[in-house]
Amino acid sequence: MTKASDIRTKTVDELSDELLNLKKEQFNLRFQKATGQLENTARVRQIRRDIARIKTIQAQKAASAALAK
């Protein structure tokens, strides 16, 4: 699980890359669940929350950049 403080230190590009990686992992976990191969069911919840955390911080950074202009 990623901490919000760690995410805030990353750049916008790093956040986009991290989000892409998490979405790929989420897809793989959903595929494993559908085929009955998923062992760590708690990981699905962690990934979903990490994605939400990154999206929230991306929105905050975009809003602060808009206010700075």
PDB file of N, CA and C in Angstrom:
ATOM      1  N   MET A   1       0.838  -1.168   0.000  1.00  0.00           N
ATOM      2  CA  MET A   1       0.000   0.000   0.000  1.00  0.00           C
ATOM      3  C   MET A   1       0.891   1.242   0.000  1.00  0.00           C
ATOM      4  N   THR A   2       0.563   2.158  -0.856  1.00  0.00           N
ATOM      5  CA  THR A   2       1.341   3.365  -1.005  1.00  0.00           C
ATOM      6  C   THR A   2       0.782   4.456  -0.094  1.00  0.00           C
ATOM      7  N   LYS A   3       1.677   5.190   0.532  1.00  0.00           N
ATOM      8  CA  LYS A   3       1.247   6.281   1.400  1.00  0.00           C
ATOM      9  C   LYS A   3       1.016   7.529   0.568  1.00  0.00           C
ATOM     10  N   ALA A   4       0.073   8.342   0.982  1.00  0.00           N
ATOM     11  CA  ALA A   4      -0.244   9.573   0.271  1.00  0.00           C
ATOM     12  C   ALA A   4       0.952  10.515   0.270  1.00  0.00           C
ATOM     13  N   SER A   5       1.715  10.548   1.340  1.00  0.00           N
ATOM     14  CA  SER A   5       2.883  11.428   1.414  1.00  0.00           C
ATOM     15  C   SER A   5       3.934  11.033   0.383  1.00  0.00           C
ATOM     16  N   ASP A   6       4.065   9.731   0.122  1.00  0.00           N
ATOM     17  CA  ASP A   6       5.007   9.270  -0.902  1.00  0.00           C
ATOM     18  C   ASP A   6       4.529   9.657  -2.298  1.00  0.00           C
ATOM     19  N   ILE A   7       3.234   9.598  -2.503  1.00  0.00           N
ATOM     20  CA  ILE A   7       2.671   9.918  -3.809  1.00  0.00           C
ATOM     21  C   ILE A   7       2.807  11.405  -4.100  1.00  0.00           C
ATOM     22  N   ARG A   8       2.630  12.236  -3.078  1.00  0.00           N
ATOM     23  CA  ARG A   8       2.692  13.689  -3.268  1.00  0.00           C
ATOM     24  C   ARG A   8       4.068  14.159  -3.726  1.00  0.00           C
ATOM     25  N   THR A   9       5.114  13.415  -3.407  1.00  0.00           N
ATOM     26  CA  THR A   9       6.469  13.826  -3.791  1.00  0.00           C
ATOM     27  C   THR A   9       6.771  13.523  -5.255  1.00  0.00           C
ATOM     28  N   LYS A  10       5.949  12.725  -5.899  1.00  0.00           N
ATOM     29  CA  LYS A  10       6.195  12.342  -7.288  1.00  0.00           C
ATOM     30  C   LYS A  10       5.705  13.411  -8.258  1.00  0.00           C
ATOM     31  N   THR A  11       6.310  13.413  -9.442  1.00  0.00           N
ATOM     32  CA  THR A  11       5.898  14.360 -10.478  1.00  0.00           C
ATOM     33  C   THR A  11       4.632  13.845 -11.159  1.00  0.00           C
ATOM     34  N   VAL A  12       4.032  14.687 -11.986  1.00  0.00           N
ATOM     35  CA  VAL A  12       2.805  14.319 -12.697  1.00  0.00           C
ATOM     36  C   VAL A  12       3.063  13.133 -13.631  1.00  0.00           C
ATOM     37  N   ASP A  13       4.222  13.132 -14.295  1.00  0.00           N
ATOM     38  CA  ASP A  13       4.555  12.023 -15.194  1.00  0.00           C
ATOM     39  C   ASP A  13       4.742  10.724 -14.427  1.00  0.00           C
ATOM     40  N   GLU A  14       5.393  10.792 -13.281  1.00  0.00           N
ATOM     41  CA  GLU A  14       5.589   9.592 -12.465  1.00  0.00           C
ATOM     42  C   GLU A  14       4.243   9.059 -11.971  1.00  0.00           C
ATOM     43  N   LEU A  15       3.339   9.962 -11.628  1.00  0.00           N
ATOM     44  CA  LEU A  15       2.012   9.534 -11.186  1.00  0.00           C
ATOM     45  C   LEU A  15       1.257   8.846 -12.313  1.00  0.00           C
ATOM     46  N   SER A  16       1.380   9.367 -13.525  1.00  0.00           N
ATOM     47  CA  SER A  16       0.714   8.750 -14.671  1.00  0.00           C
ATOM     48  C   SER A  16       1.256   7.351 -14.926  1.00  0.00           C
ATOM     49  N   ASP A  17       2.573   7.202 -14.823  1.00  0.00           N
ATOM     50  CA  ASP A  17       3.195   5.885 -15.017  1.00  0.00           C
ATOM     51  C   ASP A  17       2.737   4.910 -13.941  1.00  0.00           C
ATOM     52  N   GLU A  18       2.718   5.376 -12.712  1.00  0.00           N
ATOM     53  CA  GLU A  18       2.290   4.522 -11.602  1.00  0.00           C
ATOM     54  C   GLU A  18       0.833   4.102 -11.764  1.00  0.00           C
ATOM     55  N   LEU A  19      -0.002   5.044 -12.199  1.00  0.00           N
ATOM     56  CA  LEU A  19      -1.417   4.744 -12.418  1.00  0.00           C
ATOM     57  C   LEU A  19      -1.585   3.686 -13.504  1.00  0.00           C
ATOM     58  N   LEU A  20      -0.813   3.805 -14.571  1.00  0.00           N
ATOM     59  CA  LEU A  20      -0.873   2.827 -15.655  1.00  0.00           C
ATOM     60  C   LEU A  20      -0.474   1.440 -15.154  1.00  0.00           C
ATOM     61  N   ASN A  21       0.589   1.374 -14.361  1.00  0.00           N
ATOM     62  CA  ASN A  21       1.040   0.086 -13.810  1.00  0.00           C
ATOM     63  C   ASN A  21      -0.009  -0.530 -12.894  1.00  0.00           C
ATOM     64  N   LEU A  22      -0.649   0.296 -12.076  1.00  0.00           N
ATOM     65  CA  LEU A  22      -1.679  -0.218 -11.176  1.00  0.00           C
ATOM     66  C   LEU A  22      -2.898  -0.712 -11.944  1.00  0.00           C
ATOM     67  N   LYS A  23      -3.270  -0.011 -12.995  1.00  0.00           N
ATOM     68  CA  LYS A  23      -4.417  -0.452 -13.801  1.00  0.00           C
ATOM     69  C   LYS A  23      -4.122  -1.784 -14.482  1.00  0.00           C
ATOM     70  N   LYS A  24      -2.880  -1.970 -14.935  1.00  0.00           N
ATOM     71  CA  LYS A  24      -2.495  -3.251 -15.537  1.00  0.00           C
ATOM     72  C   LYS A  24      -2.559  -4.369 -14.505  1.00  0.00           C
ATOM     73  N   GLU A  25      -2.056  -4.068 -13.298  1.00  0.00           N
ATOM     74  CA  GLU A  25      -2.098  -5.078 -12.237  1.00  0.00           C
ATOM     75  C   GLU A  25      -3.541  -5.387 -11.851  1.00  0.00           C
ATOM     76  N   GLN A  26      -4.397  -4.367 -11.820  1.00  0.00           N
ATOM     77  CA  GLN A  26      -5.808  -4.576 -11.507  1.00  0.00           C
ATOM     78  C   GLN A  26      -6.456  -5.482 -12.550  1.00  0.00           C
ATOM     79  N   PHE A  27      -6.135  -5.263 -13.810  1.00  0.00           N
ATOM     80  CA  PHE A  27      -6.680  -6.113 -14.870  1.00  0.00           C
ATOM     81  C   PHE A  27      -6.225  -7.556 -14.679  1.00  0.00           C
ATOM     82  N   ASN A  28      -4.942  -7.737 -14.394  1.00  0.00           N
ATOM     83  CA  ASN A  28      -4.419  -9.087 -14.193  1.00  0.00           C
ATOM     84  C   ASN A  28      -5.081  -9.775 -13.004  1.00  0.00           C
ATOM     85  N   LEU A  29      -5.321  -9.023 -11.940  1.00  0.00           N
ATOM     86  CA  LEU A  29      -5.981  -9.606 -10.771  1.00  0.00           C
ATOM     87  C   LEU A  29      -7.420  -9.996 -11.086  1.00  0.00           C
ATOM     88  N   ARG A  30      -8.121  -9.145 -11.846  1.00  0.00           N
ATOM     89  CA  ARG A  30      -9.490  -9.495 -12.235  1.00  0.00           C
ATOM     90  C   ARG A  30      -9.501 -10.746 -13.100  1.00  0.00           C
ATOM     91  N   PHE A  31      -8.521 -10.875 -13.976  1.00  0.00           N
ATOM     92  CA  PHE A  31      -8.418 -12.043 -14.842  1.00  0.00           C
ATOM     93  C   PHE A  31      -8.152 -13.295 -14.002  1.00  0.00           C
ATOM     94  N   GLN A  32      -7.255 -13.171 -13.015  1.00  0.00           N
ATOM     95  CA  GLN A  32      -6.964 -14.300 -12.130  1.00  0.00           C
ATOM     96  C   GLN A  32      -8.204 -14.707 -11.342  1.00  0.00           C
ATOM     97  N   LYS A  33      -8.973 -13.721 -10.905  1.00  0.00           N
ATOM     98  CA  LYS A  33     -10.187 -14.031 -10.141  1.00  0.00           C
ATOM     99  C   LYS A  33     -11.191 -14.781 -11.009  1.00  0.00           C
ATOM    100  N   ALA A  34     -11.316 -14.357 -12.269  1.00  0.00           N
ATOM    101  CA  ALA A  34     -12.276 -14.997 -13.168  1.00  0.00           C
ATOM    102  C   ALA A  34     -11.890 -16.437 -13.470  1.00  0.00           C
ATOM    103  N   THR A  35     -10.590 -16.725 -13.491  1.00  0.00           N
ATOM    104  CA  THR A  35     -10.132 -18.073 -13.797  1.00  0.00           C
ATOM    105  C   THR A  35      -9.927 -18.916 -12.535  1.00  0.00           C
ATOM    106  N   GLY A  36     -10.180 -18.313 -11.363  1.00  0.00           N
ATOM    107  CA  GLY A  36     -10.042 -19.066 -10.116  1.00  0.00           C
ATOM    108  C   GLY A  36      -8.617 -19.210  -9.639  1.00  0.00           C
ATOM    109  N   GLN A  37      -7.693 -18.382 -10.109  1.00  0.00           N
ATOM    110  CA  GLN A  37      -6.285 -18.498  -9.735  1.00  0.00           C
ATOM    111  C   GLN A  37      -5.849 -17.429  -8.735  1.00  0.00           C
ATOM    112  N   LEU A  38      -6.755 -16.568  -8.308  1.00  0.00           N
ATOM    113  CA  LEU A  38      -6.405 -15.474  -7.406  1.00  0.00           C
ATOM    114  C   LEU A  38      -6.177 -16.017  -6.002  1.00  0.00           C
ATOM    115  N   GLU A  39      -4.971 -15.761  -5.465  1.00  0.00           N
ATOM    116  CA  GLU A  39      -4.632 -16.246  -4.135  1.00  0.00           C
ATOM    117  C   GLU A  39      -4.779 -15.148  -3.088  1.00  0.00           C
ATOM    118  N   ASN A  40      -4.306 -13.933  -3.402  1.00  0.00           N
ATOM    119  CA  ASN A  40      -4.339 -12.841  -2.439  1.00  0.00           C
ATOM    120  C   ASN A  40      -5.498 -11.902  -2.784  1.00  0.00           C
ATOM    121  N   THR A  41      -6.656 -12.178  -2.216  1.00  0.00           N
ATOM    122  CA  THR A  41      -7.835 -11.392  -2.542  1.00  0.00           C
ATOM    123  C   THR A  41      -7.757  -9.971  -1.975  1.00  0.00           C
ATOM    124  N   ALA A  42      -7.002  -9.768  -0.927  1.00  0.00           N
ATOM    125  CA  ALA A  42      -6.861  -8.442  -0.321  1.00  0.00           C
ATOM    126  C   ALA A  42      -6.121  -7.486  -1.256  1.00  0.00           C
ATOM    127  N   ARG A  43      -5.327  -8.020  -2.158  1.00  0.00           N
ATOM    128  CA  ARG A  43      -4.559  -7.182  -3.086  1.00  0.00           C
ATOM    129  C   ARG A  43      -5.490  -6.394  -4.010  1.00  0.00           C
ATOM    130  N   VAL A  44      -6.643  -6.947  -4.341  1.00  0.00           N
ATOM    131  CA  VAL A  44      -7.611  -6.262  -5.199  1.00  0.00           C
ATOM    132  C   VAL A  44      -8.037  -4.952  -4.538  1.00  0.00           C
ATOM    133  N   ARG A  45      -8.326  -5.010  -3.262  1.00  0.00           N
ATOM    134  CA  ARG A  45      -8.745  -3.824  -2.511  1.00  0.00           C
ATOM    135  C   ARG A  45      -7.609  -2.803  -2.412  1.00  0.00           C
ATOM    136  N   GLN A  46      -6.387  -3.274  -2.166  1.00  0.00           N
ATOM    137  CA  GLN A  46      -5.240  -2.382  -2.069  1.00  0.00           C
ATOM    138  C   GLN A  46      -5.007  -1.635  -3.378  1.00  0.00           C
ATOM    139  N   ILE A  47      -5.092  -2.352  -4.485  1.00  0.00           N
ATOM    140  CA  ILE A  47      -4.876  -1.737  -5.792  1.00  0.00           C
ATOM    141  C   ILE A  47      -5.954  -0.698  -6.061  1.00  0.00           C
ATOM    142  N   ARG A  48      -7.200  -1.037  -5.780  1.00  0.00           N
ATOM    143  CA  ARG A  48      -8.309  -0.108  -6.018  1.00  0.00           C
ATOM    144  C   ARG A  48      -8.110   1.177  -5.218  1.00  0.00           C
ATOM    145  N   ARG A  49      -7.692   1.050  -3.985  1.00  0.00           N
ATOM    146  CA  ARG A  49      -7.488   2.228  -3.137  1.00  0.00           C
ATOM    147  C   ARG A  49      -6.270   3.035  -3.568  1.00  0.00           C
ATOM    148  N   ASP A  50      -5.211   2.359  -4.004  1.00  0.00           N
ATOM    149  CA  ASP A  50      -4.032   3.075  -4.498  1.00  0.00           C
ATOM    150  C   ASP A  50      -4.367   3.868  -5.758  1.00  0.00           C
ATOM    151  N   ILE A  51      -5.181   3.290  -6.630  1.00  0.00           N
ATOM    152  CA  ILE A  51      -5.609   3.995  -7.843  1.00  0.00           C
ATOM    153  C   ILE A  51      -6.400   5.247  -7.459  1.00  0.00           C
ATOM    154  N   ALA A  52      -7.308   5.109  -6.517  1.00  0.00           N
ATOM    155  CA  ALA A  52      -8.103   6.255  -6.070  1.00  0.00           C
ATOM    156  C   ALA A  52      -7.213   7.320  -5.434  1.00  0.00           C
ATOM    157  N   ARG A  53      -6.233   6.883  -4.668  1.00  0.00           N
ATOM    158  CA  ARG A  53      -5.311   7.809  -4.014  1.00  0.00           C
ATOM    159  C   ARG A  53      -4.522   8.612  -5.049  1.00  0.00           C
ATOM    160  N   ILE A  54      -4.025   7.937  -6.073  1.00  0.00           N
ATOM    161  CA  ILE A  54      -3.248   8.614  -7.112  1.00  0.00           C
ATOM    162  C   ILE A  54      -4.129   9.575  -7.900  1.00  0.00           C
ATOM    163  N   LYS A  55      -5.338   9.154  -8.243  1.00  0.00           N
ATOM    164  CA  LYS A  55      -6.243  10.032  -8.985  1.00  0.00           C
ATOM    165  C   LYS A  55      -6.591  11.278  -8.175  1.00  0.00           C
ATOM    166  N   THR A  56      -6.772  11.126  -6.880  1.00  0.00           N
ATOM    167  CA  THR A  56      -7.090  12.261  -6.016  1.00  0.00           C
ATOM    168  C   THR A  56      -5.938  13.257  -5.998  1.00  0.00           C
ATOM    169  N   ILE A  57      -4.732  12.757  -5.844  1.00  0.00           N
ATOM    170  CA  ILE A  57      -3.571  13.644  -5.782  1.00  0.00           C
ATOM    171  C   ILE A  57      -3.310  14.290  -7.135  1.00  0.00           C
ATOM    172  N   GLN A  58      -3.552  13.565  -8.227  1.00  0.00           N
ATOM    173  CA  GLN A  58      -3.435  14.164  -9.549  1.00  0.00           C
ATOM    174  C   GLN A  58      -4.412  15.326  -9.699  1.00  0.00           C
ATOM    175  N   ALA A  59      -5.632  15.154  -9.236  1.00  0.00           N
ATOM    176  CA  ALA A  59      -6.640  16.216  -9.318  1.00  0.00           C
ATOM    177  C   ALA A  59      -6.237  17.409  -8.460  1.00  0.00           C
ATOM    178  N   GLN A  60      -5.673  17.150  -7.291  1.00  0.00           N
ATOM    179  CA  GLN A  60      -5.225  18.232  -6.421  1.00  0.00           C
ATOM    180  C   GLN A  60      -4.092  19.019  -7.070  1.00  0.00           C
ATOM    181  N   LYS A  61      -3.167  18.297  -7.698  1.00  0.00           N
ATOM    182  CA  LYS A  61      -2.043  18.977  -8.367  1.00  0.00           C
ATOM    183  C   LYS A  61      -2.545  19.796  -9.556  1.00  0.00           C
ATOM    184  N   ALA A  62      -3.516  19.265 -10.284  1.00  0.00           N
ATOM    185  CA  ALA A  62      -4.064  19.995 -11.422  1.00  0.00           C
ATOM    186  C   ALA A  62      -4.799  21.249 -10.944  1.00  0.00           C
ATOM    187  N   ALA A  63      -5.525  21.136  -9.849  1.00  0.00           N
ATOM    188  CA  ALA A  63      -6.255  22.284  -9.320  1.00  0.00           C
ATOM    189  C   ALA A  63      -5.307  23.360  -8.808  1.00  0.00           C
ATOM    190  N   SER A  64      -4.237  22.948  -8.152  1.00  0.00           N
ATOM    191  CA  SER A  64      -3.282  23.934  -7.644  1.00  0.00           C
ATOM    192  C   SER A  64      -2.511  24.592  -8.790  1.00  0.00           C
ATOM    193  N   ALA A  65      -2.277  23.838  -9.865  1.00  0.00           N
ATOM    194  CA  ALA A  65      -1.611  24.425 -11.031  1.00  0.00           C
ATOM    195  C   ALA A  65      -2.537  25.427 -11.724  1.00  0.00           C
ATOM    196  N   ALA A  66      -3.814  25.153 -11.745  1.00  0.00           N
ATOM    197  CA  ALA A  66      -4.784  26.060 -12.359  1.00  0.00           C
ATOM    198  C   ALA A  66      -4.908  27.348 -11.540  1.00  0.00           C
ATOM    199  N   LEU A  67      -4.829  27.217 -10.217  1.00  0.00           N
ATOM    200  CA  LEU A  67      -4.913  28.401  -9.356  1.00  0.00           C
ATOM    201  C   LEU A  67      -3.649  29.257  -9.449  1.00  0.00           C
ATOM    202  N   ALA A  68      -2.519  28.604  -9.705  1.00  0.00           N
ATOM    203  CA  ALA A  68      -1.258  29.314  -9.781  1.00  0.00           C
ATOM    204  C   ALA A  68      -1.151  30.195 -11.030  1.00  0.00           C
ATOM    205  N   LYS A  69      -1.963  29.893 -12.028  1.00  0.00           N
ATOM    206  CA  LYS A  69      -1.899  30.676 -13.276  1.00  0.00           C
ATOM    207  C   LYS A  69      -2.635  31.967 -13.178  1.00  0.00           C
TER     208      LYS A  69
END
